[in-house]
């Protein structure tokens, strides 16, 4: 009874502390224990799953390679290969040619029968050739033959890593006679992309990195042959596997590398003399649970602080907040809409204070908020429209330069690379949302020059440029080039010869400029033109797909306001005419440059 009497004699402050601790401490302790149990369970299941995936993956790879080896063994019984490798000197050239064709067909079947085979070869020294499914090449060098003989003598597996290639070799006779070259070698080169895809598929199924250890020396990862900074880690993994593969065909364990713990799972294949390995950090496996445990500890510490702080301030949690709110209402009654009250604790009063402040802010800033919201929305839409401008002709230009270089057309190569450099310089620089008319005009001319070099025998460019001080007028960046691009993509797309594209900049009496782009395309019907004009008049939905014309039109509207944008009409040339009228202001736009 003494503890209870002591508790009754305590003030409310220590009673609150004890009550909160009794409520919080058991929950935190149980949560930490459950987290640890969950981590252990997940770790065991994940390791079991990794072991299962590694074993099944190795069995799959072993089955595919075993089919290749069996196909090789069928060549031993093949009469054509036997005759070519031993009796081809007594056969006629026609008979040798026929037998070679039959062997090549069998090599073609070997290559296409298994997706892992990239190239199948038959090296036959007696005929001085190496046969491929659809061609032939010189016979294999003696040094390579000797190396393959040595490898077959030292290992039981026909899989060999040679000159950055994974090969499956079958030599006849086997075992090779000392000092004598083989009669023939059947060889299949493994497709590295297929092997990489196999490893990537394993990585997608498991949270970890996969690798193949070939002959205990070479390492193949999903990104290709290993040339990464984790060579030391792979060296430790190879040592780990070498110590265990003799006793078991698969195994698991942990390694400590650079103060990081790794889980390693491997499966060994005696047939292929290679190991499939999956390794991952403990943090990758148990990261979310460890993070959750850290947050629990942090929450426990914060709870202790809250217990003491809340117990101390509990006496003021009712009277003080109510008094503050009453005084705030009196100020609102007097017309003070700038009042804002705050509350340090996360309780009902904080909610009431928040609603009060929200009400006052809505009364004071409703018009301003609507205005700012509209401006923000327009700016966001402007950035989204600008981001959609993407040059589509670059890869064709690269191919054009490549063809010029092949043809040693150095003059045009110099011109093309100059224009391409100017094009990249303009679109990649971060110099604000505006540019001068001269900069925009020159950029568009560079684009047009590149396109003319591609379509020099199809399209003629007519440029009208009036000399005037209007070249200093500031325009939104990248509004002219999409108009020219539209001509090539739509207006003159079907023109085989005699195409015309016109570009003009004309000075207006008020100091502004009129920019015009037109073509003589014949595919634009009256209905199509009316449809284009109708689409420009109606604001599209945000999620609607926009063409280059729509992008430029919306950007001009957002920059100038109202309905100012592109003007479309029928060109006297017969195609589409696009016009932009821009005022003659040359001052800064207000943004930093």
Protein backbone atom coordinates (compact mmCIF):
# COMPACT_ATOMS: atom_id res chain seq x y z
CA UNK A 1 0.00 0.00 0.00
CA UNK A 2 2.98 2.28 0.51
CA UNK A 3 3.57 2.88 -3.24
CA UNK A 4 -0.08 3.77 -3.75
CA UNK A 5 -0.05 6.19 -0.85
CA UNK A 6 3.12 7.76 -2.25
CA UNK A 7 1.41 8.10 -5.63
CA UNK A 8 -1.59 9.80 -4.03
CA UNK A 9 0.66 12.33 -2.31
CA UNK A 10 2.31 13.32 -5.60
CA UNK A 11 1.35 16.45 -7.46
CA UNK A 12 -0.36 16.24 -10.84
CA UNK A 13 2.88 16.85 -12.75
CA UNK A 14 4.74 13.64 -11.69
CA UNK A 15 1.47 11.69 -11.91
CA UNK A 16 1.10 12.72 -15.56
CA UNK A 17 4.71 11.74 -16.29
CA UNK A 18 4.30 8.29 -14.72
CA UNK A 19 0.97 7.71 -16.49
CA UNK A 20 2.37 8.61 -19.90
CA UNK A 21 5.48 6.49 -19.38
CA UNK A 22 3.36 3.48 -18.38
CA UNK A 23 1.35 3.91 -21.60
CA UNK A 24 4.25 4.57 -23.99
CA UNK A 25 7.16 2.40 -22.83
CA UNK A 26 5.46 -1.02 -23.31
CA UNK A 27 4.28 -0.05 -26.80
CA UNK A 28 7.76 1.00 -27.89
CA UNK A 29 9.41 -2.11 -26.42
CA UNK A 30 6.89 -4.45 -28.08
CA UNK A 31 7.24 -2.60 -31.40
CA UNK A 32 11.02 -2.94 -31.35
CA UNK A 33 10.79 -6.65 -30.58
CA UNK A 34 8.21 -7.24 -33.33
CA UNK A 35 10.40 -5.33 -35.76
CA UNK A 36 13.38 -7.53 -34.92
CA UNK A 37 11.31 -10.71 -35.30
CA UNK A 38 9.99 -9.49 -38.65
CA UNK A 39 13.50 -8.68 -39.82
CA UNK A 40 14.72 -12.18 -38.94
CA UNK A 41 11.76 -13.81 -40.68
CA UNK A 42 12.12 -11.71 -43.83
CA UNK A 43 15.85 -12.34 -43.94
CA UNK A 44 15.36 -16.11 -43.75
CA UNK A 45 12.66 -16.09 -46.43
CA UNK A 46 14.67 -13.83 -48.70
CA UNK A 47 17.78 -15.98 -48.41
CA UNK A 48 15.70 -19.06 -49.16
CA UNK A 49 14.19 -17.31 -52.16
CA UNK A 50 17.63 -16.22 -53.39
CA UNK A 51 18.90 -19.79 -53.08
CA UNK A 52 15.89 -21.09 -55.01
CA UNK A 53 16.32 -18.50 -57.77
CA UNK A 54 20.03 -19.17 -58.08
CA UNK A 55 19.52 -22.93 -58.33
CA UNK A 56 16.71 -22.64 -60.85
CA UNK A 57 18.68 -20.07 -62.85
CA UNK A 58 21.75 -22.30 -62.98
CA UNK A 59 19.63 -25.30 -63.99
CA UNK A 60 18.08 -23.26 -66.78
CA UNK A 61 21.48 -22.08 -68.03
CA UNK A 62 22.94 -25.57 -67.69
CA UNK A 63 20.05 -27.04 -69.69
CA UNK A 64 20.53 -24.51 -72.51
CA UNK A 65 24.29 -25.06 -72.68
CA UNK A 66 23.82 -28.84 -72.45
CA UNK A 67 21.65 -28.73 -75.57
CA UNK A 68 24.43 -26.89 -77.36
CA UNK A 69 26.98 -29.50 -76.23
CA UNK A 70 24.71 -32.32 -77.44
CA UNK A 71 24.39 -30.66 -80.83
CA UNK A 72 28.19 -30.50 -80.98
CA UNK A 73 28.42 -34.21 -80.19
CA UNK A 74 26.19 -35.01 -83.15
CA UNK A 75 28.87 -33.61 -85.44
CA UNK A 76 31.19 -36.42 -84.29
CA UNK A 77 28.87 -38.89 -86.02
CA UNK A 78 28.36 -36.65 -89.04
CA UNK A 79 29.75 -38.19 -92.23
CA UNK A 80 30.25 -34.85 -93.97
CA UNK A 81 32.42 -33.45 -91.19
CA UNK A 82 34.38 -36.72 -91.01
CA UNK A 83 34.99 -36.80 -94.78
CA UNK A 84 36.00 -33.14 -94.94
CA UNK A 85 38.43 -33.47 -92.04
CA UNK A 86 40.09 -36.72 -93.22
CA UNK A 87 39.36 -37.51 -96.91
CA UNK A 88 38.67 -34.16 -98.58
CA UNK A 89 41.91 -34.42 -100.58
CA UNK A 90 40.64 -37.43 -102.53
CA UNK A 91 37.17 -36.04 -103.20
CA UNK A 92 36.37 -33.85 -106.16
CA UNK A 93 35.91 -30.14 -105.68
CA UNK A 94 32.19 -30.48 -106.37
CA UNK A 95 31.79 -33.18 -103.71
CA UNK A 96 33.73 -31.08 -101.22
CA UNK A 97 31.53 -28.10 -102.07
CA UNK A 98 28.35 -30.15 -101.53
CA UNK A 99 29.60 -31.49 -98.19
CA UNK A 100 30.54 -27.98 -97.07
CA UNK A 101 27.02 -26.75 -97.85
CA UNK A 102 25.49 -29.56 -95.82
CA UNK A 103 27.77 -28.79 -92.87
CA UNK A 104 26.87 -25.10 -93.12
CA UNK A 105 23.16 -25.97 -93.00
CA UNK A 106 23.78 -27.98 -89.83
CA UNK A 107 25.69 -25.05 -88.35
CA UNK A 108 22.72 -22.85 -89.23
CA UNK A 109 20.43 -25.22 -87.34
CA UNK A 110 22.81 -25.15 -84.37
CA UNK A 111 22.77 -21.35 -84.32
CA UNK A 112 19.01 -21.00 -84.63
CA UNK A 113 18.09 -23.95 -82.42
CA UNK A 114 19.34 -22.24 -79.26
CA UNK A 115 18.88 -18.50 -78.45
CA UNK A 116 22.20 -18.42 -76.59
CA UNK A 117 24.26 -19.19 -79.71
CA UNK A 118 25.50 -16.08 -81.54
CA UNK A 119 27.82 -17.76 -84.06
CA UNK A 120 28.43 -21.45 -84.85
CA UNK A 121 31.71 -22.46 -86.52
CA UNK A 122 33.40 -25.59 -87.81
CA UNK A 123 37.22 -25.30 -88.02
CA UNK A 124 38.51 -27.94 -90.45
CA UNK A 125 42.29 -27.61 -90.96
CA UNK A 126 42.47 -30.12 -93.85
CA UNK A 127 40.37 -27.94 -96.16
CA UNK A 128 42.01 -24.76 -94.81
CA UNK A 129 38.68 -23.16 -93.91
CA UNK A 130 36.43 -22.27 -91.03
CA UNK A 131 32.81 -22.84 -92.01
CA UNK A 132 30.04 -20.52 -90.78
CA UNK A 133 26.28 -20.95 -91.34
CA UNK A 134 26.22 -18.59 -94.30
CA UNK A 135 29.85 -17.91 -95.10
CA UNK A 136 33.39 -19.05 -94.46
CA UNK A 137 36.65 -17.63 -93.18
CA UNK A 138 40.29 -18.55 -92.87
CA UNK A 139 41.27 -21.50 -90.76
CA UNK A 140 41.91 -20.89 -87.06
CA UNK A 141 45.49 -19.83 -86.14
CA UNK A 142 47.70 -22.56 -84.71
CA UNK A 143 48.13 -20.60 -81.46
CA UNK A 144 44.37 -20.60 -80.84
CA UNK A 145 44.11 -24.31 -81.64
CA UNK A 146 46.92 -25.08 -79.20
CA UNK A 147 45.23 -22.97 -76.52
CA UNK A 148 41.92 -24.80 -76.96
CA UNK A 149 43.71 -28.17 -76.82
CA UNK A 150 45.43 -27.13 -73.61
CA UNK A 151 42.12 -25.97 -72.10
CA UNK A 152 40.39 -29.24 -72.96
CA UNK A 153 43.25 -31.19 -71.39
CA UNK A 154 43.13 -29.20 -68.13
CA UNK A 155 39.37 -28.96 -67.62
CA UNK A 156 36.37 -31.20 -68.08
CA UNK A 157 34.02 -28.45 -69.20
CA UNK A 158 33.93 -27.45 -72.87
CA UNK A 159 33.14 -23.85 -71.87
CA UNK A 160 36.11 -21.52 -72.45
CA UNK A 161 36.50 -17.76 -71.96
CA UNK A 162 38.74 -16.59 -74.82
CA UNK A 163 39.45 -13.06 -76.10
CA UNK A 164 36.48 -11.55 -74.23
CA UNK A 165 34.19 -14.23 -75.73
CA UNK A 166 32.41 -17.13 -74.06
CA UNK A 167 32.88 -20.22 -76.25
CA UNK A 168 31.76 -23.85 -76.21
CA UNK A 169 34.38 -26.00 -77.99
CA UNK A 170 34.22 -29.61 -79.10
CA UNK A 171 37.54 -30.99 -80.40
CA UNK A 172 37.95 -34.26 -82.26
CA UNK A 173 39.58 -36.50 -81.34
CA UNK A 174 38.95 -36.07 -77.64
CA UNK A 175 41.11 -36.27 -75.65
CA UNK A 176 43.53 -34.69 -78.13
CA UNK A 177 46.60 -36.59 -79.25
CA UNK A 178 49.83 -35.11 -77.84
CA UNK A 179 51.66 -33.00 -80.39
CA UNK A 180 48.95 -33.40 -83.07
CA UNK A 181 46.31 -30.83 -84.00
CA UNK A 182 42.66 -31.92 -83.89
CA UNK A 183 40.94 -33.03 -87.06
CA UNK A 184 38.25 -30.41 -86.51
CA UNK A 185 36.79 -28.10 -83.88
CA UNK A 186 33.08 -27.39 -83.52
CA UNK A 187 32.65 -24.05 -81.78
CA UNK A 188 29.62 -22.04 -80.59
CA UNK A 189 30.06 -18.45 -79.48
CA UNK A 190 27.61 -17.45 -76.75
CA UNK A 191 25.58 -14.31 -77.40
CA UNK A 192 26.65 -11.78 -74.71
CA UNK A 193 23.37 -9.86 -74.97
CA UNK A 194 21.38 -13.04 -74.27
CA UNK A 195 23.64 -13.84 -71.31
CA UNK A 196 23.24 -10.28 -70.06
CA UNK A 197 19.46 -10.57 -70.41
CA UNK A 198 19.54 -13.79 -68.40
CA UNK A 199 21.38 -12.02 -65.55
CA UNK A 200 19.08 -8.99 -65.70
CA UNK A 201 16.05 -11.23 -65.43
CA UNK A 202 17.49 -12.75 -62.27
CA UNK A 203 18.17 -9.27 -60.86
CA UNK A 204 14.60 -8.21 -61.60
CA UNK A 205 13.27 -11.14 -59.61
CA UNK A 206 15.62 -10.53 -56.65
CA UNK A 207 16.92 -7.46 -54.83
CA UNK A 208 20.59 -7.88 -55.59
CA UNK A 209 23.36 -8.03 -58.16
CA UNK A 210 23.93 -11.16 -60.24
CA UNK A 211 27.17 -12.39 -61.80
CA UNK A 212 28.60 -15.43 -63.55
CA UNK A 213 32.03 -16.69 -62.48
CA UNK A 214 33.58 -18.46 -65.49
CA UNK A 215 36.36 -20.96 -64.74
CA UNK A 216 36.82 -19.31 -61.34
CA UNK A 217 38.63 -16.37 -62.99
CA UNK A 218 36.48 -14.30 -65.31
CA UNK A 219 33.38 -12.47 -64.11
CA UNK A 220 30.34 -11.60 -66.19
CA UNK A 221 27.73 -9.18 -64.88
CA UNK A 222 24.45 -7.88 -66.26
CA UNK A 223 26.26 -4.76 -67.46
CA UNK A 224 28.84 -6.87 -69.33
CA UNK A 225 32.27 -8.09 -68.33
CA UNK A 226 33.26 -6.53 -65.01
CA UNK A 227 35.32 -3.35 -65.24
CA UNK A 228 33.95 -1.58 -62.16
CA UNK A 229 35.44 -0.37 -58.83
CA UNK A 230 34.02 -3.38 -56.96
CA UNK A 231 36.72 -5.71 -58.33
CA UNK A 232 37.88 -6.31 -54.76
CA UNK A 233 34.38 -7.31 -53.71
CA UNK A 234 34.12 -9.77 -56.62
CA UNK A 235 37.55 -11.13 -55.73
CA UNK A 236 36.32 -11.84 -52.19
CA UNK A 237 33.17 -13.44 -53.60
CA UNK A 238 35.24 -15.67 -55.93
CA UNK A 239 37.38 -16.73 -52.97
CA UNK A 240 34.23 -17.38 -50.94
CA UNK A 241 32.77 -19.56 -53.73
CA UNK A 242 36.04 -21.46 -54.36
CA UNK A 243 36.19 -22.48 -50.69
CA UNK A 244 32.68 -23.94 -50.75
CA UNK A 245 31.89 -25.21 -54.25
CA UNK A 246 33.90 -28.44 -53.85
CA UNK A 247 31.64 -29.58 -51.01
CA UNK A 248 28.28 -28.28 -52.21
CA UNK A 249 26.73 -27.37 -55.54
CA UNK A 250 25.17 -24.31 -53.90
CA UNK A 251 25.74 -22.26 -50.80
CA UNK A 252 25.06 -19.07 -48.87
CA UNK A 253 27.00 -16.87 -46.51
CA UNK A 254 27.94 -13.35 -45.53
CA UNK A 255 30.95 -11.17 -46.35
CA UNK A 256 32.21 -7.95 -44.78
CA UNK A 257 33.59 -5.49 -47.34
CA UNK A 258 34.36 -1.83 -46.61
CA UNK A 259 32.38 -2.04 -43.35
CA UNK A 260 29.34 -3.27 -45.30
CA UNK A 261 27.76 -6.67 -44.80
CA UNK A 262 26.86 -8.65 -47.95
CA UNK A 263 24.66 -11.72 -48.35
CA UNK A 264 26.09 -14.07 -51.00
CA UNK A 265 24.25 -16.96 -52.65
CA UNK A 266 25.79 -19.14 -55.37
CA UNK A 267 25.13 -22.26 -57.43
CA UNK A 268 27.92 -24.29 -59.08
CA UNK A 269 27.74 -26.19 -62.35
CA UNK A 270 30.27 -28.97 -62.89
CA UNK A 271 29.21 -29.30 -66.52
CA UNK A 272 29.87 -25.63 -67.31
CA UNK A 273 32.63 -25.05 -64.74
CA UNK A 274 30.97 -21.78 -63.71
CA UNK A 275 29.03 -20.36 -60.79
CA UNK A 276 25.94 -18.17 -60.73
CA UNK A 277 26.14 -15.65 -57.87
CA UNK A 278 23.64 -13.20 -56.36
CA UNK A 279 24.89 -10.78 -53.73
CA UNK A 280 23.25 -7.86 -51.94
CA UNK A 281 23.87 -5.71 -48.90
CA UNK A 282 22.08 -6.32 -45.63
CA UNK A 283 20.78 -2.79 -45.88
CA UNK A 284 19.18 -3.54 -49.24
CA UNK A 285 17.48 -6.59 -47.78
CA UNK A 286 16.41 -5.17 -44.43
CA UNK A 287 16.62 -1.46 -45.20
CA UNK A 288 12.94 -0.58 -44.62
CA UNK A 289 12.79 -2.54 -41.37
CA UNK A 290 16.03 -1.03 -40.06
CA UNK A 291 14.76 2.40 -40.95
CA UNK A 292 11.50 1.66 -39.18
CA UNK A 293 13.43 0.55 -36.09
CA UNK A 294 15.44 3.77 -36.11
CA UNK A 295 12.26 5.77 -36.36
CA UNK A 296 10.83 3.86 -33.41
CA UNK A 297 13.84 4.76 -31.29
CA UNK A 298 13.57 8.36 -32.39
CA UNK A 299 9.86 8.35 -31.59
CA UNK A 300 10.57 6.96 -28.13
CA UNK A 301 13.01 9.78 -27.42
CA UNK A 302 10.59 12.39 -28.70
CA UNK A 303 7.81 10.83 -26.61
CA UNK A 304 9.84 11.27 -23.44
CA UNK A 305 10.37 14.93 -24.23
CA UNK A 306 6.70 15.36 -25.05
CA UNK A 307 5.68 13.64 -21.80
CA UNK A 308 7.68 16.03 -19.65
CA UNK A 309 6.83 19.09 -21.72
CA UNK A 310 3.15 18.32 -22.00
CA UNK A 311 2.88 17.55 -18.30
CA UNK A 312 4.48 20.89 -17.48
CA UNK A 313 2.28 22.92 -19.81
CA UNK A 314 -0.97 21.07 -19.14
CA UNK A 315 -2.06 23.76 -16.67
CA UNK A 316 -2.05 26.35 -19.39
CA UNK A 317 -3.61 24.26 -22.16
CA UNK A 318 -7.17 25.47 -21.54
CA UNK A 319 -7.20 29.01 -20.16
CA UNK A 320 -4.34 30.52 -22.16
CA UNK A 321 -5.49 29.37 -25.66
CA UNK A 322 -9.09 30.43 -25.00
CA UNK A 323 -7.99 33.85 -23.82
CA UNK A 324 -5.83 34.30 -26.92
CA UNK A 325 -8.71 33.36 -29.24
CA UNK A 326 -11.16 35.74 -27.51
CA UNK A 327 -8.74 38.62 -27.93
CA UNK A 328 -8.28 37.71 -31.59
CA UNK A 329 -12.05 37.75 -32.23
CA UNK A 330 -12.28 41.21 -30.69
CA UNK A 331 -9.63 42.49 -33.10
CA UNK A 332 -11.54 41.00 -36.04
CA UNK A 333 -14.70 42.76 -34.82
CA UNK A 334 -12.78 46.04 -35.02
CA UNK A 335 -11.83 45.29 -38.65
CA UNK A 336 -8.25 44.04 -38.21
CA UNK A 337 -7.92 41.30 -40.84
CA UNK A 338 -4.15 40.95 -40.43
CA UNK A 339 -4.44 39.09 -37.13
CA UNK A 340 -2.92 35.60 -36.97
CA UNK A 341 -2.61 33.43 -33.87
CA UNK A 342 -0.42 30.38 -33.30
CA UNK A 343 -0.33 27.48 -30.90
CA UNK A 344 2.80 25.45 -30.02
CA UNK A 345 1.03 22.15 -29.23
CA UNK A 346 -0.58 19.72 -31.67
CA UNK A 347 -4.07 19.49 -30.14
CA UNK A 348 -7.66 20.68 -30.67
CA UNK A 349 -6.71 24.31 -30.06
CA UNK A 350 -4.17 24.16 -32.83
CA UNK A 351 -6.93 22.98 -35.16
CA UNK A 352 -9.21 25.81 -34.03
CA UNK A 353 -6.43 28.35 -34.44
CA UNK A 354 -5.71 27.04 -37.91
CA UNK A 355 -9.35 27.37 -38.95
CA UNK A 356 -9.49 30.87 -37.50
CA UNK A 357 -6.36 31.95 -39.37
CA UNK A 358 -7.65 30.35 -42.57
CA UNK A 359 -10.91 32.29 -42.29
CA UNK A 360 -9.09 35.60 -41.79
CA UNK A 361 -6.71 34.93 -44.67
CA UNK A 362 -9.58 34.08 -47.02
CA UNK A 363 -11.37 37.30 -46.12
CA UNK A 364 -8.24 39.38 -46.68
CA UNK A 365 -6.62 37.71 -49.68
CA UNK A 366 -9.43 36.10 -51.72
CA UNK A 367 -9.02 38.38 -54.75
CA UNK A 368 -5.23 38.39 -54.52
CA UNK A 369 -5.10 34.59 -54.22
CA UNK A 370 -7.27 34.13 -57.31
CA UNK A 371 -5.07 36.51 -59.29
CA UNK A 372 -1.82 34.89 -58.16
CA UNK A 373 -3.26 31.44 -58.85
CA UNK A 374 -4.07 32.39 -62.44
CA UNK A 375 -0.60 33.87 -63.01
CA UNK A 376 1.05 30.79 -61.52
CA UNK A 377 -1.07 28.51 -63.70
CA UNK A 378 -0.16 30.44 -66.85
CA UNK A 379 3.55 30.36 -66.00
CA UNK A 380 3.41 26.62 -65.33
CA UNK A 381 1.61 26.03 -68.63
CA UNK A 382 4.18 28.18 -70.43
CA UNK A 383 7.06 26.11 -69.04
CA UNK A 384 5.23 22.90 -69.95
CA UNK A 385 4.66 24.10 -73.51
CA UNK A 386 8.29 25.17 -73.89
CA UNK A 387 9.48 21.81 -72.61
CA UNK A 388 7.57 20.03 -75.38
CA UNK A 389 9.69 21.67 -78.08
CA UNK A 390 12.05 18.93 -79.10
CA UNK A 391 14.07 18.78 -82.38
CA UNK A 392 13.16 15.67 -84.35
CA UNK A 393 15.60 16.02 -87.21
CA UNK A 394 18.90 15.57 -85.36
CA UNK A 395 19.47 11.89 -86.06
CA UNK A 396 18.79 12.43 -89.78
CA UNK A 397 21.33 15.28 -89.76
CA UNK A 398 23.92 13.04 -88.13
CA UNK A 399 23.35 10.42 -90.82
CA UNK A 400 23.69 13.13 -93.47
CA UNK A 401 27.04 14.29 -92.04
CA UNK A 402 28.13 10.65 -91.83
CA UNK A 403 27.35 10.10 -95.51
CA UNK A 404 29.20 13.29 -96.45
CA UNK A 405 32.23 12.15 -94.47
CA UNK A 406 32.16 8.76 -96.18
CA UNK A 407 32.03 10.53 -99.54
CA UNK A 408 34.91 12.86 -98.46
CA UNK A 409 32.67 15.87 -99.15
CA UNK A 410 34.70 18.02 -96.76
CA UNK A 411 33.19 21.36 -97.82
CA UNK A 412 29.68 20.26 -96.97
CA UNK A 413 30.87 18.49 -93.82
CA UNK A 414 32.40 21.78 -92.63
CA UNK A 415 29.19 23.66 -93.43
CA UNK A 416 26.93 21.06 -91.83
CA UNK A 417 28.94 20.81 -88.61
CA UNK A 418 29.07 24.63 -88.39
CA UNK A 419 25.29 24.92 -88.67
CA UNK A 420 24.78 21.99 -86.31
CA UNK A 421 27.10 23.59 -83.76
CA UNK A 422 25.19 26.89 -84.00
CA UNK A 423 21.93 24.98 -83.61
CA UNK A 424 23.09 23.14 -80.46
CA UNK A 425 24.63 26.31 -79.02
CA UNK A 426 21.30 28.08 -79.22
CA UNK A 427 18.97 25.37 -77.91
CA UNK A 428 21.21 24.27 -75.03
CA UNK A 429 22.19 27.61 -73.54
CA UNK A 430 20.25 28.70 -70.44
CA UNK A 431 19.77 32.39 -71.12
CA UNK A 432 16.17 33.04 -70.11
CA UNK A 433 12.86 32.70 -71.89
CA UNK A 434 13.47 35.44 -74.50
CA UNK A 435 15.95 36.21 -77.27
CA UNK A 436 16.45 38.95 -79.82
CA UNK A 437 14.93 38.64 -83.27
CA UNK A 438 18.44 38.41 -84.72
CA UNK A 439 19.31 35.43 -82.51
CA UNK A 440 16.01 33.67 -83.21
CA UNK A 441 16.25 34.41 -86.95
CA UNK A 442 19.85 33.15 -87.22
CA UNK A 443 18.97 29.99 -85.28
CA UNK A 444 16.08 29.30 -87.65
CA UNK A 445 18.31 29.93 -90.68
CA UNK A 446 20.84 27.43 -89.30
CA UNK A 447 18.04 24.86 -89.00
CA UNK A 448 16.84 25.70 -92.52
CA UNK A 449 20.36 25.37 -93.96
CA UNK A 450 20.67 21.89 -92.43
CA UNK A 451 17.30 20.85 -93.86
CA UNK A 452 18.22 22.24 -97.29
CA UNK A 453 21.41 20.18 -97.27
CA UNK A 454 19.21 17.13 -96.69
CA UNK A 455 16.57 18.05 -99.31
CA UNK A 456 18.72 20.14 -101.70
CA UNK A 457 17.16 18.58 -104.79
CA UNK A 458 13.60 18.83 -103.51
CA UNK A 459 13.07 22.15 -101.71
CA UNK A 460 14.05 25.75 -102.47
CA UNK A 461 14.23 28.37 -99.69
CA UNK A 462 13.23 31.98 -100.37
CA UNK A 463 14.35 34.41 -97.66
CA UNK A 464 13.16 38.02 -97.39
CA UNK A 465 14.93 40.07 -94.73
CA UNK A 466 14.34 43.83 -94.61
CA UNK A 467 17.15 45.85 -92.99
CA UNK A 468 15.74 47.65 -89.96
CA UNK A 469 16.48 48.20 -86.25
CA UNK A 470 13.80 45.62 -85.49
CA UNK A 471 16.45 42.89 -85.09
CA UNK A 472 16.82 44.00 -81.44
CA UNK A 473 13.19 43.21 -80.66
CA UNK A 474 12.91 40.54 -77.98
CA UNK A 475 10.83 37.44 -78.73
CA UNK A 476 10.08 34.21 -76.87
CA UNK A 477 12.84 31.71 -77.60
CA UNK A 478 12.22 28.87 -80.08
CA UNK A 479 9.07 30.14 -81.79
CA UNK A 480 10.32 30.41 -85.41
CA UNK A 481 12.14 27.08 -85.81
CA UNK A 482 8.99 24.99 -85.00
CA UNK A 483 7.15 26.84 -87.81
CA UNK A 484 9.83 25.89 -90.34
CA UNK A 485 9.90 22.38 -88.92
CA UNK A 486 6.13 22.16 -89.48
CA UNK A 487 6.66 22.95 -93.18
CA UNK A 488 9.08 20.03 -93.59
CA UNK A 489 7.00 17.61 -91.54
CA UNK A 490 3.57 18.42 -92.99
CA UNK A 491 3.51 21.06 -95.74
CA UNK A 492 6.22 19.59 -98.00
CA UNK A 493 6.26 16.04 -96.74
CA UNK A 494 5.01 14.51 -99.98
CA UNK A 495 6.83 16.90 -102.34
CA UNK A 496 9.37 15.05 -104.49
CA UNK A 497 10.70 18.10 -106.37
CA UNK A 498 9.98 21.80 -106.78
CA UNK A 499 9.14 22.44 -103.13
CA UNK A 500 9.32 26.05 -101.92
CA UNK A 501 9.55 27.38 -98.39
CA UNK A 502 9.43 31.13 -97.83
CA UNK A 503 10.63 33.07 -94.79
CA UNK A 504 10.23 36.80 -94.44
CA UNK A 505 10.58 39.47 -91.76
CA UNK A 506 8.89 42.75 -92.64
CA UNK A 507 9.05 46.03 -90.73
CA UNK A 508 5.70 47.53 -89.65
CA UNK A 509 4.96 51.28 -89.51
CA UNK A 510 4.64 51.25 -85.71
CA UNK A 511 8.15 49.84 -85.28
CA UNK A 512 7.03 46.24 -84.93
CA UNK A 513 7.72 43.30 -87.22
CA UNK A 514 5.73 40.81 -89.26
CA UNK A 515 7.28 37.35 -89.55
CA UNK A 516 5.95 35.07 -92.27
CA UNK A 517 6.57 31.40 -93.05
CA UNK A 518 4.85 29.77 -96.05
CA UNK A 519 5.15 26.89 -98.50
CA UNK A 520 3.76 25.60 -101.78
CA UNK A 521 2.55 22.25 -100.48
CA UNK A 522 -0.47 20.84 -102.31
CA UNK A 523 -1.84 18.57 -99.56
CA UNK A 524 -3.59 21.32 -97.53
CA UNK A 525 -7.26 21.32 -98.39
CA UNK A 526 -9.69 24.06 -97.47
CA UNK A 527 -11.20 21.78 -94.86
CA UNK A 528 -7.78 21.12 -93.32
CA UNK A 529 -7.02 24.86 -93.16
CA UNK A 530 -10.37 25.61 -91.51
CA UNK A 531 -9.75 22.83 -89.01
CA UNK A 532 -6.31 24.27 -88.13
CA UNK A 533 -7.74 27.77 -87.64
CA UNK A 534 -10.55 26.35 -85.49
CA UNK A 535 -8.07 24.47 -83.29
CA UNK A 536 -6.03 27.64 -82.71
CA UNK A 537 -9.13 29.56 -81.65
CA UNK A 538 -10.08 27.06 -78.95
CA UNK A 539 -7.86 26.51 -75.92
CA UNK A 540 -7.01 22.78 -75.75
CA UNK A 541 -7.37 20.67 -72.65
CA UNK A 542 -4.13 20.39 -70.58
CA UNK A 543 -3.84 16.71 -71.35
CA UNK A 544 -4.49 17.10 -75.09
CA UNK A 545 -1.69 16.33 -77.54
CA UNK A 546 -0.31 19.51 -79.12
CA UNK A 547 1.54 20.02 -82.37
CA UNK A 548 4.39 22.47 -82.89
CA UNK A 549 1.94 25.10 -84.20
CA UNK A 550 -0.28 24.71 -81.14
CA UNK A 551 2.71 25.02 -78.82
CA UNK A 552 3.92 28.26 -80.43
CA UNK A 553 0.38 29.68 -80.57
CA UNK A 554 -0.25 28.99 -76.86
CA UNK A 555 3.15 30.40 -75.86
CA UNK A 556 2.47 33.63 -77.74
CA UNK A 557 -0.93 33.91 -76.06
CA UNK A 558 0.55 33.31 -72.61
CA UNK A 559 3.33 35.86 -73.20
CA UNK A 560 1.09 38.61 -74.65
CA UNK A 561 -2.30 37.76 -73.20
CA UNK A 562 -5.62 37.80 -75.00
CA UNK A 563 -5.99 36.09 -78.35
CA UNK A 564 -2.66 37.24 -79.83
CA UNK A 565 -0.93 34.31 -81.49
CA UNK A 566 -0.43 32.80 -84.94
CA UNK A 567 -2.40 33.85 -88.02
CA UNK A 568 -3.05 31.14 -90.58
CA UNK A 569 -4.14 31.63 -94.18
CA UNK A 570 -3.73 30.23 -97.69
CA UNK A 571 -0.36 31.20 -99.19
CA UNK A 572 -0.20 32.54 -102.77
CA UNK A 573 2.30 29.73 -103.31
CA UNK A 574 -0.54 27.28 -102.70
CA UNK A 575 0.30 25.94 -99.26
CA UNK A 576 -0.02 27.27 -95.71
CA UNK A 577 0.99 30.79 -94.65
CA UNK A 578 1.82 31.43 -90.98
CA UNK A 579 2.25 34.99 -89.69
CA UNK A 580 3.39 36.45 -86.36
CA UNK A 581 2.96 40.15 -85.64
CA UNK A 582 5.13 41.39 -82.79
CA UNK A 583 5.23 44.92 -81.27
CA UNK A 584 8.38 47.06 -81.44
CA UNK A 585 9.31 47.08 -77.72
CA UNK A 586 13.05 46.37 -77.27
CA UNK A 587 13.29 46.69 -73.51
CA UNK A 588 13.99 43.96 -71.02
CA UNK A 589 11.15 41.69 -70.08
CA UNK A 590 11.71 41.90 -66.39
CA UNK A 591 13.60 38.68 -65.88
CA UNK A 592 17.28 38.46 -65.02
CA UNK A 593 19.63 37.62 -67.86
